[in-house]
Amino acid sequence: MKTFVILLSAAALCVACRPGASGQTAPKEVDATADTITAFYYPAIPAVLTDPKDRAAYLVAHYWDNVDFADTNYVHRPEVTEQAWANFIDVLRLVEPQLADSALKDVMARAGADRKCQLYMAGLADKYLYDPNSPMRNEEYYIATLDALLASPVLDDTDKIRPKARRELAQRNRVGTRALDFVYTLPSGEQGRLYGLEAEYLLLFISNPGCQACTETVAALQTLPAISRAQEEGRLKVLSLYPDEDTDYWREHLDEYPARWVRAYDKGMVLTRKALYDLKAIPTLYLMDRHKTVLLKDATPEAIDRLLGERLE
């Protein structure tokens, strides 16, 4: 995927795909023999808009103006449409969340001009906003696309089965809501509840021993400055939870997790069976406050460290 570059200044907001993009708006290029759209063109931002925020807002609102979603040829040009989508997600970071939400719902609604196009755009949303391997994954953006798909008049009930299920799961433990309580089991067999853990901040770390990404995350959680400080000061408690069924394997690798953490497993795999938490990716990190309100969901150690750093000042 090409690198997307956003140039912001008081005089201009230019969007370009590197290499070789001019940043200029031009008519669509059409292959005369195949009648296929071969390029994506950005809207011309009015010169009267000089404030970078205003220019970004205009670009987001009009980003897809040059696309005719009734033309299914776009579906056969992923090198054009997929790059445009990736760039669009980058642009959304420049605007307020409400505007990003509106823009995402708008493009998905526009794609409803043709069922095939809408399903194609839904696939791009899955790939970039939902897939755990995507560096652009963003649950709030993904929720906006799901809401648009569920409201679509061109999709039938079968088309909406997966969006509905994912929308319901995304709502659970959403940032700003209270996390779902559950029972955990310690190596001794003693049990406790998430809500029984008292601390100014609680970090739920769901992982598997032996997983490379999990091992790297354990190291990061012990070395990042704000996280380390919060643990040393007793302001942050870490609940390390094993979500699978091979508890013998987990016990054999128990020393891979710091002794000061609450090291536990999910007896009966309740989180998985009841889909209490979205476990599409391992490891998964949730940062909560003392009331178990979710502050960060499916976050990186670095993001958690930044937020704690701001709050510990």
Protein backbone atom coordinates (compact mmCIF):
# COMPACT_ATOMS: atom_id res chain seq x y z
CA MET A 1 0.00 0.00 0.00
CA LYS A 2 1.39 3.38 -0.94
CA THR A 3 2.21 5.87 1.79
CA PHE A 4 -0.39 8.56 2.25
CA VAL A 5 0.90 12.07 2.82
CA ILE A 6 -1.14 14.91 4.27
CA LEU A 7 0.30 18.40 4.02
CA LEU A 8 -1.38 20.92 6.29
CA SER A 9 -0.66 24.66 6.44
CA ALA A 10 -2.54 27.87 6.85
CA ALA A 11 -2.71 28.24 3.09
CA ALA A 12 -3.27 24.71 1.87
CA LEU A 13 -4.32 21.18 2.61
CA CYS A 14 -3.01 18.89 -0.07
CA VAL A 15 -3.67 15.19 -0.31
CA ALA A 16 -1.44 13.00 -2.45
CA CYS A 17 -0.60 9.37 -3.02
CA ARG A 18 3.11 8.89 -3.16
CA PRO A 19 4.84 8.56 -5.55
CA GLY A 20 3.82 10.59 -8.57
CA ALA A 21 0.59 12.27 -7.43
CA SER A 22 0.14 15.91 -8.26
CA GLY A 23 -2.55 16.73 -5.68
CA GLN A 24 -4.62 18.33 -8.43
CA THR A 25 -8.24 17.60 -9.20
CA ALA A 26 -8.99 16.43 -12.72
CA PRO A 27 -11.77 14.70 -14.64
CA LYS A 28 -12.07 10.95 -14.22
CA GLU A 29 -9.92 8.91 -16.53
CA VAL A 30 -11.88 6.24 -18.32
CA ASP A 31 -10.55 3.34 -20.31
CA ALA A 32 -12.51 3.74 -23.52
CA THR A 33 -12.32 0.06 -24.43
CA ALA A 34 -13.34 -1.38 -21.07
CA ASP A 35 -15.30 1.57 -19.69
CA THR A 36 -13.48 1.14 -16.40
CA ILE A 37 -12.56 3.92 -13.98
CA THR A 38 -8.78 4.03 -13.82
CA ALA A 39 -8.06 6.85 -11.36
CA PHE A 40 -9.46 8.47 -8.25
CA TYR A 41 -9.69 12.26 -8.12
CA TYR A 42 -10.05 14.34 -5.01
CA PRO A 43 -12.53 17.21 -4.82
CA ALA A 44 -11.24 20.72 -5.44
CA ILE A 45 -11.14 22.50 -2.08
CA PRO A 46 -12.44 26.10 -2.46
CA ALA A 47 -9.64 28.64 -2.29
CA VAL A 48 -11.64 30.72 0.17
CA LEU A 49 -11.10 28.01 2.76
CA THR A 50 -7.70 28.83 4.20
CA ASP A 51 -7.92 27.35 7.68
CA PRO A 52 -6.50 23.79 7.71
CA LYS A 53 -9.37 22.51 9.82
CA ASP A 54 -11.93 23.95 7.42
CA ARG A 55 -10.10 22.50 4.45
CA ALA A 56 -9.91 19.08 6.10
CA ALA A 57 -13.62 19.21 6.94
CA TYR A 58 -14.50 20.09 3.35
CA LEU A 59 -12.30 17.33 1.98
CA VAL A 60 -13.88 14.73 4.25
CA ALA A 61 -17.40 15.85 3.41
CA HIS A 62 -16.79 15.87 -0.36
CA TYR A 63 -14.13 13.17 -0.64
CA TRP A 64 -16.28 10.81 -2.73
CA ASP A 65 -18.03 13.41 -4.90
CA ASN A 66 -16.26 12.23 -8.06
CA VAL A 67 -17.27 8.60 -7.59
CA ASP A 68 -20.38 7.18 -9.20
CA PHE A 69 -21.18 4.25 -6.95
CA ALA A 70 -23.79 3.02 -9.41
CA ASP A 71 -20.87 2.13 -11.69
CA THR A 72 -19.75 -1.34 -10.63
CA ASN A 73 -16.51 -0.95 -12.59
CA TYR A 74 -15.06 0.53 -9.39
CA VAL A 75 -15.32 -2.90 -7.78
CA HIS A 76 -12.86 -4.23 -10.36
CA ARG A 77 -10.30 -1.50 -9.67
CA PRO A 78 -9.04 -2.16 -6.14
CA GLU A 79 -5.77 -0.39 -6.98
CA VAL A 80 -7.88 2.76 -7.29
CA THR A 81 -10.69 2.30 -4.81
CA GLU A 82 -8.74 0.57 -2.06
CA GLN A 83 -6.01 3.19 -2.10
CA ALA A 84 -8.67 5.90 -2.02
CA TRP A 85 -10.31 4.21 0.97
CA ALA A 86 -7.01 3.93 2.87
CA ASN A 87 -6.32 7.60 2.21
CA PHE A 88 -9.84 8.50 3.32
CA ILE A 89 -9.30 6.80 6.68
CA ASP A 90 -6.11 8.81 7.12
CA VAL A 91 -7.95 12.05 6.36
CA LEU A 92 -10.60 11.26 8.96
CA ARG A 93 -7.97 11.64 11.67
CA LEU A 94 -7.83 15.35 10.89
CA VAL A 95 -11.45 16.06 11.78
CA GLU A 96 -13.69 15.85 14.82
CA PRO A 97 -15.12 12.40 15.64
CA GLN A 98 -18.68 13.52 14.84
CA LEU A 99 -17.66 14.59 11.35
CA ALA A 100 -15.72 11.37 10.78
CA ASP A 101 -18.77 9.38 11.86
CA SER A 102 -21.01 11.33 9.50
CA ALA A 103 -18.58 10.96 6.58
CA LEU A 104 -18.30 7.21 7.02
CA LYS A 105 -22.05 6.76 7.16
CA ASP A 106 -22.40 8.99 4.11
CA VAL A 107 -19.98 7.03 1.92
CA MET A 108 -21.54 3.72 2.89
CA ALA A 109 -24.98 5.15 2.08
CA ARG A 110 -23.70 6.45 -1.28
CA ALA A 111 -22.31 2.99 -2.02
CA GLY A 112 -25.86 1.77 -1.62
CA ALA A 113 -26.55 3.00 -5.14
CA ASP A 114 -25.63 -0.57 -6.07
CA ARG A 115 -25.69 -3.60 -3.78
CA LYS A 116 -22.47 -4.97 -5.26
CA CYS A 117 -20.65 -1.70 -4.60
CA GLN A 118 -21.98 -1.47 -1.07
CA LEU A 119 -20.82 -4.97 -0.24
CA TYR A 120 -17.43 -4.16 -1.75
CA MET A 121 -17.10 -1.05 0.43
CA ALA A 122 -18.23 -3.09 3.42
CA GLY A 123 -15.36 -5.46 2.67
CA LEU A 124 -12.90 -2.57 2.71
CA ALA A 125 -14.28 -1.46 6.07
CA ASP A 126 -13.77 -4.98 7.39
CA LYS A 127 -10.22 -5.11 6.10
CA TYR A 128 -9.04 -1.71 7.29
CA LEU A 129 -11.16 -0.92 10.35
CA TYR A 130 -11.90 -4.35 11.85
CA ASP A 131 -9.12 -6.79 10.93
CA PRO A 132 -6.79 -7.16 13.95
CA ASN A 133 -3.75 -7.07 11.65
CA SER A 134 -4.67 -3.69 10.19
CA PRO A 135 -2.70 -0.74 11.58
CA MET A 136 -5.72 1.41 10.72
CA ARG A 137 -8.23 -0.60 12.74
CA ASN A 138 -10.59 1.70 14.58
CA GLU A 139 -13.69 0.41 16.30
CA GLU A 140 -15.52 3.73 16.42
CA TYR A 141 -15.07 4.20 12.67
CA TYR A 142 -16.12 0.60 12.11
CA ILE A 143 -19.28 1.08 14.14
CA ALA A 144 -20.27 3.97 11.87
CA THR A 145 -19.97 1.74 8.80
CA LEU A 146 -21.95 -1.04 10.49
CA ASP A 147 -24.74 1.37 11.38
CA ALA A 148 -24.95 2.46 7.74
CA LEU A 149 -25.04 -1.14 6.50
CA LEU A 150 -27.79 -2.07 8.94
CA ALA A 151 -29.84 0.88 7.70
CA SER A 152 -29.23 0.04 4.03
CA PRO A 153 -32.33 -0.53 1.89
CA VAL A 154 -30.41 -2.56 -0.71
CA LEU A 155 -29.07 -5.22 1.66
CA ASP A 156 -31.31 -8.10 2.70
CA ASP A 157 -31.56 -9.78 6.10
CA THR A 158 -28.90 -12.32 5.15
CA ASP A 159 -26.46 -9.56 4.17
CA LYS A 160 -27.01 -7.94 7.57
CA ILE A 161 -26.38 -11.00 9.75
CA ARG A 162 -22.65 -10.39 10.19
CA PRO A 163 -22.89 -6.58 10.53
CA LYS A 164 -25.56 -7.03 13.19
CA ALA A 165 -23.49 -9.53 15.18
CA ARG A 166 -20.37 -7.38 14.98
CA ARG A 167 -22.32 -4.26 15.94
CA GLU A 168 -23.64 -5.98 19.05
CA LEU A 169 -20.16 -7.17 20.00
CA ALA A 170 -18.62 -3.75 19.37
CA GLN A 171 -21.09 -2.15 21.76
CA ARG A 172 -19.88 -4.37 24.58
CA ASN A 173 -17.08 -2.82 26.62
CA ARG A 174 -17.07 0.19 24.31
CA VAL A 175 -14.91 3.13 25.34
CA GLY A 176 -16.91 5.27 27.75
CA THR A 177 -19.08 2.38 28.97
CA ARG A 178 -18.62 0.14 32.01
CA ALA A 179 -16.89 -3.14 31.29
CA LEU A 180 -18.79 -6.39 31.68
CA ASP A 181 -18.02 -8.18 34.90
CA PHE A 182 -16.77 -11.78 34.93
CA VAL A 183 -15.29 -14.40 37.23
CA TYR A 184 -11.60 -15.28 37.01
CA THR A 185 -9.77 -18.22 38.57
CA LEU A 186 -6.34 -18.03 40.18
CA PRO A 187 -3.71 -20.81 40.01
CA SER A 188 -4.76 -21.84 43.52
CA GLY A 189 -8.33 -22.40 42.36
CA GLU A 190 -9.58 -19.37 44.27
CA GLN A 191 -11.93 -17.18 42.28
CA GLY A 192 -12.55 -13.47 42.06
CA ARG A 193 -14.49 -10.96 40.00
CA LEU A 194 -13.26 -8.17 37.76
CA TYR A 195 -15.31 -5.70 39.78
CA GLY A 196 -13.70 -6.95 42.96
CA LEU A 197 -10.29 -5.62 41.91
CA GLU A 198 -9.79 -2.20 43.44
CA ALA A 199 -7.33 0.28 41.97
CA GLU A 200 -7.33 3.73 40.45
CA TYR A 201 -6.69 2.06 37.10
CA LEU A 202 -7.14 -1.52 36.01
CA LEU A 203 -5.47 -3.05 32.98
CA LEU A 204 -7.08 -6.22 31.62
CA PHE A 205 -4.48 -8.12 29.60
CA ILE A 206 -5.94 -11.13 27.75
CA SER A 207 -3.18 -13.28 26.32
CA ASN A 208 -1.73 -16.71 25.65
CA PRO A 209 1.71 -17.84 26.86
CA GLY A 210 4.16 -18.55 24.09
CA CYS A 211 2.58 -16.04 21.72
CA GLN A 212 5.33 -13.75 20.39
CA ALA A 213 3.12 -10.66 20.39
CA CYS A 214 2.05 -11.51 23.94
CA THR A 215 5.66 -11.86 25.08
CA GLU A 216 6.53 -8.50 23.54
CA THR A 217 3.52 -6.90 25.22
CA VAL A 218 4.51 -8.31 28.62
CA ALA A 219 7.95 -6.74 28.19
CA ALA A 220 6.45 -3.41 27.15
CA LEU A 221 4.08 -3.34 30.12
CA GLN A 222 7.06 -3.75 32.44
CA THR A 223 9.30 -1.13 30.84
CA LEU A 224 7.12 1.72 29.57
CA PRO A 225 7.59 4.60 32.05
CA ALA A 226 4.05 5.65 32.94
CA ILE A 227 2.78 2.07 33.19
CA SER A 228 5.75 1.08 35.36
CA ARG A 229 5.31 4.13 37.58
CA ALA A 230 1.58 3.53 38.01
CA GLN A 231 2.24 -0.07 39.07
CA GLU A 232 5.02 0.89 41.47
CA GLU A 233 2.80 3.54 43.08
CA GLY A 234 -0.05 1.06 43.42
CA ARG A 235 -2.32 3.11 41.17
CA LEU A 236 -2.50 0.52 38.40
CA LYS A 237 -3.42 -3.13 38.82
CA VAL A 238 -2.91 -5.63 35.99
CA LEU A 239 -5.21 -8.62 35.53
CA SER A 240 -3.53 -11.10 33.19
CA LEU A 241 -6.21 -13.46 31.91
CA TYR A 242 -5.73 -16.69 29.96
CA PRO A 243 -8.87 -17.23 27.84
CA ASP A 244 -8.38 -20.78 26.52
CA GLU A 245 -8.88 -24.30 27.86
CA ASP A 246 -5.38 -25.80 28.19
CA THR A 247 -4.80 -24.65 31.75
CA ASP A 248 -1.94 -27.13 32.25
CA TYR A 249 0.01 -25.36 29.52
CA TRP A 250 -0.85 -22.01 31.10
CA ARG A 251 0.41 -23.15 34.51
CA GLU A 252 3.68 -24.36 32.96
CA HIS A 253 4.30 -20.86 31.61
CA LEU A 254 2.96 -18.91 34.57
CA ASP A 255 6.37 -17.41 35.34
CA GLU A 256 6.27 -15.56 32.00
CA TYR A 257 3.97 -13.09 33.74
CA PRO A 258 5.13 -10.83 36.59
CA ALA A 259 4.27 -12.14 40.06
CA ARG A 260 2.80 -8.77 41.07
CA TRP A 261 0.11 -9.12 38.44
CA VAL A 262 -3.14 -10.92 39.12
CA ARG A 263 -2.51 -14.04 37.03
CA ALA A 264 -5.71 -15.90 36.27
CA TYR A 265 -7.62 -17.92 33.70
CA ASP A 266 -11.18 -17.96 32.40
CA LYS A 267 -12.61 -21.22 33.75
CA GLY A 268 -15.08 -22.68 31.29
CA MET A 269 -14.04 -20.10 28.65
CA VAL A 270 -17.04 -17.95 29.58
CA LEU A 271 -15.69 -14.85 27.84
CA THR A 272 -15.48 -16.76 24.58
CA ARG A 273 -18.68 -18.80 24.87
CA LYS A 274 -20.83 -15.83 25.83
CA ALA A 275 -18.89 -13.35 23.66
CA LEU A 276 -18.50 -11.04 26.64
CA TYR A 277 -15.32 -9.60 25.16
CA ASP A 278 -14.15 -9.29 21.56
CA LEU A 279 -11.25 -11.73 21.33
CA LYS A 280 -10.58 -11.53 17.60
CA ALA A 281 -6.99 -10.63 18.41
CA ILE A 282 -4.57 -11.90 21.05
CA PRO A 283 -3.26 -10.15 23.02
CA THR A 284 -6.03 -7.71 23.84
CA LEU A 285 -5.69 -4.83 26.28
CA TYR A 286 -8.42 -2.86 28.05
CA LEU A 287 -7.64 0.07 30.34
CA MET A 288 -10.32 0.94 32.89
CA ASP A 289 -10.72 3.46 35.68
CA ARG A 290 -11.70 2.66 39.28
CA HIS A 291 -15.36 2.41 38.27
CA LYS A 292 -14.50 -0.10 35.52
CA THR A 293 -15.34 2.43 32.83
CA VAL A 294 -13.38 1.56 29.69
CA LEU A 295 -10.81 4.23 28.84
CA LEU A 296 -9.02 2.36 26.06
CA LYS A 297 -10.09 -0.79 24.23
CA ASP A 298 -7.93 -3.11 22.14
CA ALA A 299 -5.15 -0.62 22.77
CA THR A 300 -1.39 -0.80 22.32
CA PRO A 301 0.91 -0.59 25.36
CA GLU A 302 2.20 2.70 23.96
CA ALA A 303 -1.30 4.21 23.81
CA ILE A 304 -1.96 3.11 27.37
CA ASP A 305 1.35 4.56 28.50
CA ARG A 306 0.54 7.91 26.87
CA LEU A 307 -2.84 8.17 28.53
CA LEU A 308 -1.52 7.18 31.94
CA GLY A 309 1.32 9.63 31.48
CA GLU A 310 -1.18 12.44 30.97
CA ARG A 311 -3.31 11.37 33.92
CA LEU A 312 -0.48 10.80 36.38
CA GLU A 313 0.81 14.36 36.06
